[in-house]
Amino acid sequence: MKKNNKVSNNLSMQDVTKRLTAYSAAAGLGAFACGETAEATVVYTDVPDIVVNSANPTGGYYDMDGDTVPDFRFRFQPGYAPAGIRFQGYGASDELTNTSKGSAYYLRSFESGDSIGPGAVPTSTGFGVASPNATNFGNPTDPQYAGIRLDIAGVTHYGWVRIKTEYVGGETTLTGTIFDWAYETTPDTAIAAGAIPEPTSLALLAAGAGALAFRRRSD
């Protein structure tokens, strides 16, 4: 696909360094690609923390794949005992919930290594309310993920977004944070929650980018 070529051809040394650094951090969390996703092409993005709370409720609309089309909305929503955090797919993209933890009414988190793919379903309401408890985005020690079904130029892709929700000083200070995300470039292919590019792939990318930089200096 053209998007794959765009990712590889435009990869700068800074991008490679950032991805290698991100890999090292994620490896410490046990976030590895596995099964069929290990052979697929995962695009990982480490973003500055996106924080929403009563002081910053609006959040925004976010583009995961760089095509300038927003894929999801993240915001603080008052009114859910007494407030809630919402992660909502935008446009033709849908937020996916982990129904092994309950009904599809709420957004329920995926754990590291869980498969997010064709079998996953969107929330039934479309509201994407993320609960701040240990089993749903409130785990104090282990990362948890929202699943997303991305529409990229009319083609379905699957991805994850790492989210944490927590009370900071009481219920009125509920805070939601997004740390990073990734998606699978192969259409209709599952991705493991927390999967990032494999170290061998990143090493090859680094070597290739280094060779290109050396060639440019030589020219």
N, C-alpha and C. Protein backbone atom coordinates (compact mmCIF):
# COMPACT_ATOMS: atom_id res chain seq x y z
N MET A 1 0.83 -1.20 0.00
CA MET A 1 0.00 0.00 0.00
C MET A 1 0.88 1.26 0.00
N LYS A 2 0.39 2.35 -0.51
CA LYS A 2 1.14 3.59 -0.56
C LYS A 2 1.53 4.06 0.82
N LYS A 3 0.65 3.82 1.81
CA LYS A 3 0.93 4.29 3.16
C LYS A 3 2.19 3.64 3.71
N ASN A 4 2.42 2.34 3.40
CA ASN A 4 3.62 1.66 3.85
C ASN A 4 4.86 2.33 3.27
N ASN A 5 4.81 2.66 1.95
CA ASN A 5 5.93 3.30 1.30
C ASN A 5 6.20 4.65 1.94
N LYS A 6 5.15 5.37 2.26
CA LYS A 6 5.30 6.68 2.88
C LYS A 6 5.99 6.55 4.22
N VAL A 7 5.62 5.55 5.00
CA VAL A 7 6.23 5.36 6.32
C VAL A 7 7.71 5.07 6.19
N SER A 8 8.09 4.16 5.27
CA SER A 8 9.48 3.74 5.17
C SER A 8 10.34 4.80 4.49
N ASN A 9 9.86 5.43 3.42
CA ASN A 9 10.66 6.36 2.67
C ASN A 9 10.91 7.66 3.41
N ASN A 10 9.97 8.08 4.25
CA ASN A 10 10.10 9.35 4.95
C ASN A 10 10.67 9.21 6.35
N LEU A 11 11.16 8.03 6.70
CA LEU A 11 11.66 7.79 8.05
C LEU A 11 13.01 8.46 8.23
N SER A 12 13.11 9.42 9.12
CA SER A 12 14.35 10.14 9.38
C SER A 12 15.12 9.46 10.49
N MET A 13 16.37 9.87 10.67
CA MET A 13 17.16 9.34 11.77
C MET A 13 16.50 9.66 13.11
N GLN A 14 15.90 10.84 13.21
CA GLN A 14 15.21 11.21 14.45
C GLN A 14 14.06 10.27 14.72
N ASP A 15 13.31 9.92 13.64
CA ASP A 15 12.20 8.99 13.80
C ASP A 15 12.70 7.63 14.27
N VAL A 16 13.80 7.17 13.65
CA VAL A 16 14.35 5.86 14.02
C VAL A 16 14.78 5.86 15.48
N THR A 17 15.48 6.92 15.89
CA THR A 17 15.92 7.00 17.28
C THR A 17 14.75 6.97 18.23
N LYS A 18 13.69 7.71 17.88
CA LYS A 18 12.51 7.77 18.74
C LYS A 18 11.86 6.39 18.84
N ARG A 19 11.78 5.68 17.70
CA ARG A 19 11.14 4.36 17.73
C ARG A 19 11.98 3.36 18.52
N LEU A 20 13.31 3.43 18.37
CA LEU A 20 14.16 2.54 19.14
C LEU A 20 14.03 2.82 20.63
N THR A 21 13.97 4.09 20.99
CA THR A 21 13.76 4.45 22.39
C THR A 21 12.42 3.96 22.89
N ALA A 22 11.38 4.13 22.05
CA ALA A 22 10.04 3.68 22.42
C ALA A 22 10.01 2.18 22.58
N TYR A 23 10.76 1.46 21.72
CA TYR A 23 10.78 0.01 21.83
C TYR A 23 11.37 -0.41 23.17
N SER A 24 12.48 0.24 23.54
CA SER A 24 13.12 -0.12 24.80
C SER A 24 12.17 0.09 25.97
N ALA A 25 11.43 1.20 25.95
CA ALA A 25 10.48 1.48 27.03
C ALA A 25 9.36 0.46 27.04
N ALA A 26 8.83 0.14 25.87
CA ALA A 26 7.72 -0.80 25.80
C ALA A 26 8.17 -2.20 26.17
N ALA A 27 9.42 -2.55 25.84
CA ALA A 27 9.92 -3.88 26.19
C ALA A 27 9.90 -4.08 27.69
N GLY A 28 10.17 -3.01 28.42
CA GLY A 28 10.13 -3.09 29.87
C GLY A 28 8.74 -3.35 30.39
N LEU A 29 7.72 -2.99 29.59
CA LEU A 29 6.33 -3.23 29.99
C LEU A 29 5.84 -4.59 29.50
N GLY A 30 6.69 -5.30 28.75
CA GLY A 30 6.25 -6.58 28.20
C GLY A 30 5.35 -6.41 27.00
N ALA A 31 5.49 -5.29 26.29
CA ALA A 31 4.61 -5.04 25.14
C ALA A 31 5.30 -5.50 23.88
N PHE A 32 4.98 -6.71 23.45
CA PHE A 32 5.60 -7.28 22.27
C PHE A 32 4.54 -7.72 21.28
N ALA A 33 4.90 -7.68 19.99
CA ALA A 33 4.04 -8.27 18.98
C ALA A 33 4.11 -9.78 19.13
N CYS A 34 3.00 -10.47 18.87
CA CYS A 34 3.01 -11.92 19.01
C CYS A 34 2.10 -12.53 17.96
N GLY A 35 2.28 -13.85 17.74
CA GLY A 35 1.42 -14.57 16.81
C GLY A 35 1.50 -13.96 15.42
N GLU A 36 0.32 -13.84 14.78
CA GLU A 36 0.30 -13.37 13.41
C GLU A 36 0.75 -11.92 13.29
N THR A 37 0.57 -11.13 14.36
CA THR A 37 0.95 -9.73 14.27
C THR A 37 2.46 -9.55 14.27
N ALA A 38 3.22 -10.58 14.71
CA ALA A 38 4.67 -10.46 14.73
C ALA A 38 5.22 -10.36 13.31
N GLU A 39 4.54 -10.93 12.31
CA GLU A 39 4.99 -10.91 10.94
C GLU A 39 4.38 -9.75 10.16
N ALA A 40 3.47 -9.05 10.76
CA ALA A 40 2.79 -7.96 10.08
C ALA A 40 3.55 -6.65 10.32
N THR A 41 3.03 -5.58 9.74
CA THR A 41 3.70 -4.29 9.84
C THR A 41 2.93 -3.39 10.79
N VAL A 42 3.52 -3.11 11.92
CA VAL A 42 2.90 -2.27 12.93
C VAL A 42 3.57 -0.90 12.90
N VAL A 43 2.77 0.15 12.85
CA VAL A 43 3.28 1.51 12.94
C VAL A 43 2.96 2.03 14.33
N TYR A 44 4.01 2.37 15.06
CA TYR A 44 3.89 2.80 16.45
C TYR A 44 4.18 4.30 16.56
N THR A 45 3.39 5.01 17.37
CA THR A 45 3.60 6.44 17.58
C THR A 45 3.62 6.76 19.07
N ASP A 46 4.73 7.31 19.52
CA ASP A 46 4.83 7.79 20.90
C ASP A 46 4.49 9.27 20.87
N VAL A 47 3.48 9.67 21.63
CA VAL A 47 3.03 11.05 21.60
C VAL A 47 3.26 11.71 22.96
N PRO A 48 3.39 13.02 23.01
CA PRO A 48 3.39 13.70 24.31
C PRO A 48 2.09 13.36 25.03
N ASP A 49 2.14 13.13 26.33
CA ASP A 49 0.95 12.71 27.06
C ASP A 49 -0.23 13.63 26.77
N ILE A 50 -1.35 13.02 26.43
CA ILE A 50 -2.59 13.76 26.19
C ILE A 50 -3.45 13.60 27.44
N VAL A 51 -3.66 14.69 28.16
CA VAL A 51 -4.33 14.64 29.45
C VAL A 51 -5.64 15.41 29.40
N VAL A 52 -6.71 14.76 29.90
CA VAL A 52 -8.01 15.44 30.01
C VAL A 52 -8.51 15.30 31.44
N ASN A 53 -9.12 16.37 31.94
CA ASN A 53 -9.71 16.38 33.28
C ASN A 53 -10.65 17.59 33.35
N SER A 54 -11.12 17.90 34.54
CA SER A 54 -12.07 19.00 34.67
C SER A 54 -11.46 20.34 34.26
N ALA A 55 -10.14 20.47 34.43
CA ALA A 55 -9.47 21.71 34.05
C ALA A 55 -9.19 21.77 32.55
N ASN A 56 -9.16 20.62 31.91
CA ASN A 56 -8.90 20.54 30.47
C ASN A 56 -9.86 19.52 29.87
N PRO A 57 -11.15 19.82 29.83
CA PRO A 57 -12.15 18.82 29.47
C PRO A 57 -12.25 18.52 27.99
N THR A 58 -11.91 19.48 27.16
CA THR A 58 -12.21 19.34 25.73
C THR A 58 -11.41 18.26 25.05
N GLY A 59 -10.13 18.11 25.42
CA GLY A 59 -9.29 17.14 24.74
C GLY A 59 -9.16 17.51 23.28
N GLY A 60 -9.55 16.60 22.41
CA GLY A 60 -9.48 16.92 20.99
C GLY A 60 -9.73 15.72 20.12
N TYR A 61 -9.52 15.91 18.82
CA TYR A 61 -9.65 14.86 17.81
C TYR A 61 -8.25 14.51 17.32
N TYR A 62 -7.97 13.20 17.20
CA TYR A 62 -6.61 12.77 16.96
C TYR A 62 -6.51 11.84 15.75
N ASP A 63 -5.45 12.06 14.98
CA ASP A 63 -5.19 11.32 13.75
C ASP A 63 -4.08 10.31 14.02
N MET A 64 -4.38 9.01 13.93
CA MET A 64 -3.40 7.98 14.25
C MET A 64 -2.45 7.67 13.11
N ASP A 65 -2.90 7.81 11.87
CA ASP A 65 -2.11 7.32 10.73
C ASP A 65 -1.55 8.43 9.86
N GLY A 66 -1.72 9.67 10.25
CA GLY A 66 -1.07 10.77 9.54
C GLY A 66 -1.70 11.15 8.22
N ASP A 67 -2.98 10.78 8.01
CA ASP A 67 -3.62 11.15 6.74
C ASP A 67 -4.45 12.41 6.86
N THR A 68 -4.32 13.13 7.99
CA THR A 68 -5.02 14.38 8.31
C THR A 68 -6.50 14.19 8.63
N VAL A 69 -6.98 12.94 8.65
CA VAL A 69 -8.37 12.65 9.01
C VAL A 69 -8.41 12.16 10.45
N PRO A 70 -9.14 12.83 11.35
CA PRO A 70 -9.20 12.37 12.74
C PRO A 70 -9.77 10.95 12.85
N ASP A 71 -9.20 10.17 13.77
CA ASP A 71 -9.64 8.78 13.97
C ASP A 71 -10.40 8.59 15.28
N PHE A 72 -10.12 9.41 16.29
CA PHE A 72 -10.84 9.28 17.54
C PHE A 72 -10.88 10.61 18.28
N ARG A 73 -11.81 10.67 19.24
CA ARG A 73 -11.93 11.82 20.12
C ARG A 73 -11.66 11.36 21.55
N PHE A 74 -10.97 12.20 22.32
CA PHE A 74 -10.66 11.91 23.71
C PHE A 74 -11.07 13.12 24.52
N ARG A 75 -11.89 12.94 25.58
CA ARG A 75 -12.38 14.08 26.34
C ARG A 75 -12.82 13.69 27.74
N PHE A 76 -12.94 14.70 28.59
CA PHE A 76 -13.50 14.57 29.93
C PHE A 76 -14.99 14.91 29.83
N GLN A 77 -15.82 14.07 30.43
CA GLN A 77 -17.28 14.26 30.35
C GLN A 77 -17.88 14.30 31.75
N PRO A 78 -18.34 15.46 32.19
CA PRO A 78 -19.01 15.52 33.50
C PRO A 78 -20.34 14.78 33.46
N GLY A 79 -20.78 14.30 34.64
CA GLY A 79 -22.09 13.68 34.73
C GLY A 79 -22.09 12.19 34.91
N TYR A 80 -20.91 11.56 35.00
CA TYR A 80 -20.84 10.10 35.18
C TYR A 80 -20.22 9.79 36.54
N ALA A 81 -21.03 9.92 37.59
CA ALA A 81 -20.70 9.52 38.98
C ALA A 81 -19.34 10.00 39.49
N PRO A 82 -19.05 11.24 39.49
CA PRO A 82 -19.76 12.37 38.87
C PRO A 82 -19.21 12.74 37.49
N ALA A 83 -18.16 12.03 37.02
CA ALA A 83 -17.57 12.40 35.74
C ALA A 83 -17.02 11.16 35.07
N GLY A 84 -16.74 11.26 33.79
CA GLY A 84 -16.19 10.13 33.06
C GLY A 84 -15.19 10.57 32.02
N ILE A 85 -14.41 9.61 31.54
CA ILE A 85 -13.49 9.84 30.45
C ILE A 85 -14.05 9.13 29.22
N ARG A 86 -14.06 9.83 28.08
CA ARG A 86 -14.59 9.23 26.87
C ARG A 86 -13.52 9.09 25.78
N PHE A 87 -13.50 7.91 25.19
CA PHE A 87 -12.66 7.62 24.03
C PHE A 87 -13.62 7.15 22.95
N GLN A 88 -13.76 7.93 21.90
CA GLN A 88 -14.77 7.65 20.88
C GLN A 88 -14.16 7.63 19.49
N GLY A 89 -14.45 6.57 18.72
CA GLY A 89 -14.06 6.56 17.33
C GLY A 89 -14.73 7.70 16.58
N TYR A 90 -14.03 8.25 15.60
CA TYR A 90 -14.55 9.40 14.87
C TYR A 90 -14.80 9.02 13.41
N GLY A 91 -15.89 9.55 12.85
CA GLY A 91 -16.21 9.27 11.46
C GLY A 91 -16.52 7.79 11.26
N ALA A 92 -15.83 7.18 10.30
CA ALA A 92 -16.06 5.76 10.01
C ALA A 92 -15.26 4.84 10.92
N SER A 93 -14.44 5.39 11.81
CA SER A 93 -13.68 4.58 12.75
C SER A 93 -14.50 4.35 14.02
N ASP A 94 -14.29 3.20 14.69
CA ASP A 94 -15.06 2.85 15.88
C ASP A 94 -14.15 2.47 17.03
N GLU A 95 -14.53 2.89 18.25
CA GLU A 95 -13.85 2.39 19.44
C GLU A 95 -14.34 0.95 19.68
N LEU A 96 -13.42 0.08 20.08
CA LEU A 96 -13.75 -1.33 20.31
C LEU A 96 -13.66 -1.64 21.79
N THR A 97 -14.54 -2.51 22.26
CA THR A 97 -14.56 -2.85 23.68
C THR A 97 -14.24 -4.32 23.89
N ASN A 98 -13.67 -4.64 25.03
CA ASN A 98 -13.31 -6.01 25.37
C ASN A 98 -14.49 -6.68 26.06
N THR A 99 -15.32 -7.37 25.29
CA THR A 99 -16.55 -7.96 25.84
C THR A 99 -16.28 -9.12 26.79
N SER A 100 -15.04 -9.60 26.87
CA SER A 100 -14.73 -10.65 27.86
C SER A 100 -14.84 -10.10 29.27
N LYS A 101 -14.88 -8.76 29.40
CA LYS A 101 -15.01 -8.13 30.71
C LYS A 101 -16.43 -7.66 31.00
N GLY A 102 -17.36 -7.93 30.10
CA GLY A 102 -18.74 -7.50 30.33
C GLY A 102 -19.42 -7.06 29.06
N SER A 103 -20.55 -6.40 29.20
CA SER A 103 -21.34 -5.98 28.05
C SER A 103 -20.60 -4.91 27.25
N ALA A 104 -21.10 -4.66 26.05
CA ALA A 104 -20.48 -3.68 25.17
C ALA A 104 -20.97 -2.26 25.45
N TYR A 105 -21.73 -2.08 26.52
CA TYR A 105 -22.26 -0.74 26.81
C TYR A 105 -21.13 0.24 27.10
N TYR A 106 -20.14 -0.21 27.89
CA TYR A 106 -19.01 0.64 28.23
C TYR A 106 -17.78 0.27 27.41
N LEU A 107 -16.82 1.19 27.39
CA LEU A 107 -15.52 0.89 26.81
C LEU A 107 -14.72 0.09 27.84
N ARG A 108 -14.36 -1.14 27.50
CA ARG A 108 -13.64 -2.01 28.42
C ARG A 108 -12.25 -2.29 27.86
N SER A 109 -11.26 -2.26 28.74
CA SER A 109 -9.87 -2.29 28.30
C SER A 109 -9.41 -3.66 27.85
N PHE A 110 -8.45 -3.65 26.95
CA PHE A 110 -7.70 -4.84 26.56
C PHE A 110 -6.40 -4.84 27.35
N GLU A 111 -5.95 -6.06 27.71
CA GLU A 111 -4.68 -6.20 28.42
C GLU A 111 -3.57 -6.45 27.41
N SER A 112 -2.33 -6.24 27.84
CA SER A 112 -1.18 -6.45 26.98
C SER A 112 -1.20 -7.85 26.37
N GLY A 113 -1.12 -7.92 25.04
CA GLY A 113 -1.11 -9.20 24.33
C GLY A 113 -2.47 -9.65 23.83
N ASP A 114 -3.56 -9.04 24.32
CA ASP A 114 -4.90 -9.40 23.84
C ASP A 114 -5.02 -9.09 22.35
N SER A 115 -5.74 -9.94 21.63
CA SER A 115 -5.95 -9.72 20.20
C SER A 115 -7.06 -8.70 19.97
N ILE A 116 -6.77 -7.72 19.14
CA ILE A 116 -7.76 -6.73 18.73
C ILE A 116 -7.91 -6.86 17.22
N GLY A 117 -9.06 -7.35 16.79
CA GLY A 117 -9.21 -7.63 15.37
C GLY A 117 -10.65 -7.78 14.95
N PRO A 118 -10.89 -8.53 13.88
CA PRO A 118 -12.24 -8.66 13.33
C PRO A 118 -13.29 -9.14 14.33
N GLY A 119 -12.90 -9.88 15.36
CA GLY A 119 -13.87 -10.37 16.33
C GLY A 119 -14.28 -9.36 17.38
N ALA A 120 -13.53 -8.25 17.47
CA ALA A 120 -13.84 -7.23 18.48
C ALA A 120 -15.02 -6.39 18.03
N VAL A 121 -15.80 -5.91 19.00
CA VAL A 121 -17.02 -5.16 18.66
C VAL A 121 -16.96 -3.75 19.23
N PRO A 122 -17.63 -2.79 18.59
CA PRO A 122 -17.69 -1.43 19.12
C PRO A 122 -18.59 -1.37 20.34
N THR A 123 -18.47 -0.28 21.11
CA THR A 123 -19.41 -0.08 22.20
C THR A 123 -20.81 0.10 21.62
N SER A 124 -21.79 -0.38 22.33
CA SER A 124 -23.16 -0.37 21.80
C SER A 124 -23.75 1.03 21.76
N THR A 125 -23.26 1.93 22.61
CA THR A 125 -23.80 3.29 22.67
C THR A 125 -23.01 4.28 21.82
N GLY A 126 -21.74 3.97 21.57
CA GLY A 126 -20.89 4.91 20.85
C GLY A 126 -20.33 6.00 21.73
N PHE A 127 -20.66 5.97 23.04
CA PHE A 127 -20.18 7.00 23.95
C PHE A 127 -18.73 6.77 24.38
N GLY A 128 -18.31 5.50 24.45
CA GLY A 128 -16.93 5.20 24.80
C GLY A 128 -16.53 5.61 26.19
N VAL A 129 -17.39 5.40 27.19
CA VAL A 129 -17.07 5.79 28.57
C VAL A 129 -16.08 4.79 29.17
N ALA A 130 -14.91 5.29 29.60
CA ALA A 130 -13.86 4.45 30.16
C ALA A 130 -13.90 4.53 31.68
N SER A 131 -14.11 3.38 32.33
CA SER A 131 -14.22 3.35 33.79
C SER A 131 -12.84 3.44 34.45
N PRO A 132 -12.73 4.18 35.55
CA PRO A 132 -11.46 4.30 36.27
C PRO A 132 -11.32 3.26 37.36
N ASN A 133 -11.38 1.98 37.03
CA ASN A 133 -11.14 0.94 38.04
C ASN A 133 -10.01 0.05 37.57
N ALA A 134 -9.52 -0.80 38.45
CA ALA A 134 -8.31 -1.57 38.17
C ALA A 134 -8.45 -2.49 36.97
N THR A 135 -9.66 -2.95 36.68
CA THR A 135 -9.83 -3.84 35.54
C THR A 135 -10.14 -3.11 34.24
N ASN A 136 -10.45 -1.83 34.34
CA ASN A 136 -10.77 -1.05 33.14
C ASN A 136 -10.07 0.30 33.17
N PHE A 137 -8.85 0.32 32.67
CA PHE A 137 -8.04 1.53 32.48
C PHE A 137 -7.49 2.14 33.77
N GLY A 138 -7.81 1.55 34.93
CA GLY A 138 -7.32 2.12 36.17
C GLY A 138 -6.25 1.29 36.86
N ASN A 139 -5.65 0.33 36.15
CA ASN A 139 -4.61 -0.49 36.75
C ASN A 139 -3.41 0.39 37.10
N PRO A 140 -2.97 0.40 38.36
CA PRO A 140 -1.90 1.33 38.76
C PRO A 140 -0.51 0.93 38.28
N THR A 141 -0.32 -0.33 37.86
CA THR A 141 1.02 -0.80 37.51
C THR A 141 1.17 -1.29 36.07
N ASP A 142 0.14 -1.87 35.50
CA ASP A 142 0.25 -2.45 34.16
C ASP A 142 -0.51 -1.63 33.12
N PRO A 143 0.02 -1.53 31.90
CA PRO A 143 -0.66 -0.75 30.87
C PRO A 143 -1.95 -1.43 30.40
N GLN A 144 -2.93 -0.63 30.05
CA GLN A 144 -4.19 -1.14 29.49
C GLN A 144 -4.52 -0.34 28.23
N TYR A 145 -5.28 -0.96 27.35
CA TYR A 145 -5.42 -0.41 26.01
C TYR A 145 -6.88 -0.35 25.56
N ALA A 146 -7.20 0.70 24.82
CA ALA A 146 -8.46 0.76 24.10
C ALA A 146 -8.21 0.23 22.69
N GLY A 147 -9.17 -0.52 22.18
CA GLY A 147 -9.05 -0.99 20.81
C GLY A 147 -9.76 -0.03 19.87
N ILE A 148 -9.29 0.02 18.63
CA ILE A 148 -9.93 0.88 17.64
C ILE A 148 -9.92 0.20 16.28
N ARG A 149 -11.05 0.34 15.59
CA ARG A 149 -11.16 -0.12 14.22
C ARG A 149 -11.05 1.10 13.33
N LEU A 150 -9.94 1.21 12.64
CA LEU A 150 -9.65 2.39 11.84
C LEU A 150 -10.16 2.26 10.42
N ASP A 151 -10.73 3.33 9.94
CA ASP A 151 -11.06 3.42 8.52
C ASP A 151 -9.99 4.28 7.86
N ILE A 152 -9.16 3.65 7.03
CA ILE A 152 -8.11 4.36 6.32
C ILE A 152 -8.40 4.28 4.84
N ALA A 153 -8.89 5.37 4.28
CA ALA A 153 -9.25 5.43 2.86
C ALA A 153 -10.25 4.34 2.50
N GLY A 154 -11.20 4.10 3.41
CA GLY A 154 -12.25 3.13 3.14
C GLY A 154 -11.87 1.68 3.43
N VAL A 155 -10.67 1.45 3.98
CA VAL A 155 -10.19 0.10 4.27
C VAL A 155 -10.05 -0.05 5.79
N THR A 156 -10.43 -1.22 6.32
CA THR A 156 -10.42 -1.46 7.76
C THR A 156 -9.04 -1.90 8.26
N HIS A 157 -8.58 -1.22 9.30
CA HIS A 157 -7.35 -1.58 10.00
C HIS A 157 -7.65 -1.60 11.49
N TYR A 158 -6.80 -2.28 12.27
CA TYR A 158 -7.01 -2.37 13.71
C TYR A 158 -5.82 -1.79 14.45
N GLY A 159 -6.12 -1.19 15.61
CA GLY A 159 -5.06 -0.57 16.39
C GLY A 159 -5.37 -0.54 17.87
N TRP A 160 -4.43 -0.02 18.63
CA TRP A 160 -4.61 0.14 20.07
C TRP A 160 -4.16 1.54 20.49
N VAL A 161 -4.74 2.00 21.60
CA VAL A 161 -4.36 3.28 22.20
C VAL A 161 -4.17 3.03 23.69
N ARG A 162 -2.99 3.35 24.24
CA ARG A 162 -2.74 3.09 25.66
C ARG A 162 -3.31 4.24 26.49
N ILE A 163 -4.23 3.87 27.39
CA ILE A 163 -4.98 4.86 28.18
C ILE A 163 -4.90 4.51 29.66
N LYS A 164 -4.84 5.53 30.49
CA LYS A 164 -4.97 5.34 31.93
C LYS A 164 -5.97 6.35 32.46
N THR A 165 -6.86 5.88 33.36
CA THR A 165 -7.78 6.79 34.05
C THR A 165 -7.54 6.66 35.54
N GLU A 166 -7.56 7.78 36.24
CA GLU A 166 -7.28 7.75 37.67
C GLU A 166 -7.87 8.98 38.35
N TYR A 167 -8.19 8.80 39.63
CA TYR A 167 -8.62 9.92 40.45
C TYR A 167 -7.38 10.54 41.08
N VAL A 168 -7.22 11.84 40.89
CA VAL A 168 -6.07 12.54 41.46
C VAL A 168 -6.60 13.48 42.53
N GLY A 169 -6.67 13.00 43.76
CA GLY A 169 -7.13 13.83 44.86
C GLY A 169 -8.63 13.84 45.08
N GLY A 170 -9.34 12.88 44.50
CA GLY A 170 -10.79 12.82 44.72
C GLY A 170 -11.55 12.66 43.42
N GLU A 171 -12.84 12.31 43.53
CA GLU A 171 -13.64 12.01 42.35
C GLU A 171 -13.79 13.20 41.41
N THR A 172 -13.74 14.39 41.94
CA THR A 172 -13.91 15.55 41.07
C THR A 172 -12.67 15.85 40.25
N THR A 173 -11.59 15.12 40.50
CA THR A 173 -10.36 15.34 39.74
C THR A 173 -10.01 14.11 38.90
N LEU A 174 -11.01 13.43 38.39
CA LEU A 174 -10.78 12.29 37.49
C LEU A 174 -9.95 12.76 36.30
N THR A 175 -8.92 12.00 35.99
CA THR A 175 -8.00 12.37 34.92
C THR A 175 -7.79 11.19 33.98
N GLY A 176 -7.81 11.46 32.68
CA GLY A 176 -7.52 10.45 31.68
C GLY A 176 -6.27 10.84 30.91
N THR A 177 -5.42 9.85 30.62
CA THR A 177 -4.16 10.12 29.91
C THR A 177 -3.96 9.11 28.79
N ILE A 178 -3.60 9.60 27.61
CA ILE A 178 -3.17 8.76 26.49
C ILE A 178 -1.66 8.91 26.37
N PHE A 179 -0.95 7.77 26.26
CA PHE A 179 0.51 7.77 26.21
C PHE A 179 1.05 7.52 24.80
N ASP A 180 0.45 6.60 24.07
CA ASP A 180 0.95 6.23 22.75
C ASP A 180 -0.10 5.39 22.04
N TRP A 181 0.16 5.07 20.77
CA TRP A 181 -0.76 4.22 20.02
C TRP A 181 -0.04 3.52 18.89
N ALA A 182 -0.71 2.55 18.28
CA ALA A 182 -0.15 1.82 17.14
C ALA A 182 -1.29 1.24 16.33
N TYR A 183 -1.01 0.97 15.06
CA TYR A 183 -2.01 0.31 14.23
C TYR A 183 -1.33 -0.62 13.24
N GLU A 184 -2.09 -1.59 12.77
CA GLU A 184 -1.62 -2.59 11.83
C GLU A 184 -1.87 -2.09 10.40
N THR A 185 -0.82 -2.08 9.57
CA THR A 185 -0.98 -1.56 8.21
C THR A 185 -1.59 -2.57 7.24
N THR A 186 -1.58 -3.85 7.63
CA THR A 186 -2.22 -4.85 6.79
C THR A 186 -3.72 -4.84 7.05
N PRO A 187 -4.54 -4.62 6.03
CA PRO A 187 -5.99 -4.52 6.24
C PRO A 187 -6.57 -5.78 6.86
N ASP A 188 -7.61 -5.59 7.69
CA ASP A 188 -8.38 -6.69 8.27
C ASP A 188 -7.52 -7.68 9.04
N THR A 189 -6.43 -7.22 9.62
CA THR A 189 -5.50 -8.07 10.36
C THR A 189 -5.45 -7.66 11.82
N ALA A 190 -5.58 -8.63 12.72
CA ALA A 190 -5.56 -8.33 14.15
C ALA A 190 -4.21 -7.82 14.60
N ILE A 191 -4.24 -7.02 15.65
CA ILE A 191 -3.02 -6.54 16.28
C ILE A 191 -3.10 -6.91 17.76
N ALA A 192 -1.97 -7.26 18.35
CA ALA A 192 -1.93 -7.53 19.78
C ALA A 192 -1.85 -6.22 20.54
N ALA A 193 -2.65 -6.08 21.59
CA ALA A 193 -2.60 -4.88 22.41
C ALA A 193 -1.18 -4.68 22.93
N GLY A 194 -0.62 -3.52 22.69
CA GLY A 194 0.75 -3.23 23.10
C GLY A 194 1.80 -3.59 22.08
N ALA A 195 1.40 -4.19 20.94
CA ALA A 195 2.38 -4.58 19.93
C ALA A 195 3.03 -3.36 19.30
N ILE A 196 4.36 -3.44 19.15
CA ILE A 196 5.12 -2.40 18.47
C ILE A 196 6.06 -3.09 17.48
N PRO A 197 6.73 -2.33 16.59
CA PRO A 197 7.65 -2.98 15.64
C PRO A 197 8.69 -3.81 16.36
N GLU A 198 9.04 -4.95 15.77
CA GLU A 198 10.01 -5.84 16.38
C GLU A 198 11.40 -5.20 16.38
N PRO A 199 12.26 -5.57 17.34
CA PRO A 199 13.59 -4.95 17.42
C PRO A 199 14.42 -5.19 16.18
N THR A 200 14.28 -6.36 15.54
CA THR A 200 15.05 -6.63 14.33
C THR A 200 14.65 -5.68 13.22
N SER A 201 13.35 -5.41 13.10
CA SER A 201 12.87 -4.49 12.08
C SER A 201 13.38 -3.08 12.34
N LEU A 202 13.36 -2.67 13.61
CA LEU A 202 13.83 -1.35 13.97
C LEU A 202 15.33 -1.22 13.73
N ALA A 203 16.07 -2.29 14.00
CA ALA A 203 17.51 -2.25 13.78
C ALA A 203 17.82 -2.09 12.30
N LEU A 204 17.06 -2.80 11.46
CA LEU A 204 17.25 -2.68 10.02
C LEU A 204 16.92 -1.28 9.55
N LEU A 205 15.84 -0.71 10.10
CA LEU A 205 15.46 0.65 9.74
C LEU A 205 16.56 1.63 10.14
N ALA A 206 17.13 1.43 11.33
CA ALA A 206 18.20 2.30 11.80
C ALA A 206 19.42 2.18 10.90
N ALA A 207 19.77 0.94 10.54
CA ALA A 207 20.93 0.74 9.67
C ALA A 207 20.71 1.37 8.31
N GLY A 208 19.50 1.20 7.78
CA GLY A 208 19.19 1.77 6.47
C GLY A 208 19.22 3.28 6.49
N ALA A 209 18.64 3.86 7.53
CA ALA A 209 18.64 5.32 7.64
C ALA A 209 20.05 5.84 7.83
N GLY A 210 20.88 5.11 8.60
CA GLY A 210 22.26 5.52 8.79
C GLY A 210 23.05 5.47 7.50
N ALA A 211 22.82 4.42 6.71
CA ALA A 211 23.50 4.30 5.43
C ALA A 211 23.09 5.43 4.50
N LEU A 212 21.80 5.77 4.51
CA LEU A 212 21.30 6.85 3.67
C LEU A 212 21.93 8.18 4.08
N ALA A 213 22.01 8.42 5.41
CA ALA A 213 22.61 9.66 5.89
C ALA A 213 24.08 9.73 5.49
N PHE A 214 24.80 8.58 5.58
CA PHE A 214 26.21 8.54 5.20
C PHE A 214 26.37 8.82 3.72
N ARG A 215 25.48 8.23 2.91
CA ARG A 215 25.54 8.43 1.46
C ARG A 215 25.32 9.89 1.11
N ARG A 216 24.36 10.52 1.80
CA ARG A 216 24.08 11.93 1.52
C ARG A 216 25.27 12.81 1.88
N ARG A 217 25.95 12.46 3.00
CA ARG A 217 27.13 13.24 3.38
C ARG A 217 28.24 13.05 2.37
N SER A 218 28.36 11.81 1.86
CA SER A 218 29.41 11.52 0.87
C SER A 218 29.15 12.24 -0.43
N ASP A 219 27.83 12.34 -0.79
CA ASP A 219 27.49 13.03 -2.03
C ASP A 219 27.79 14.53 -1.90
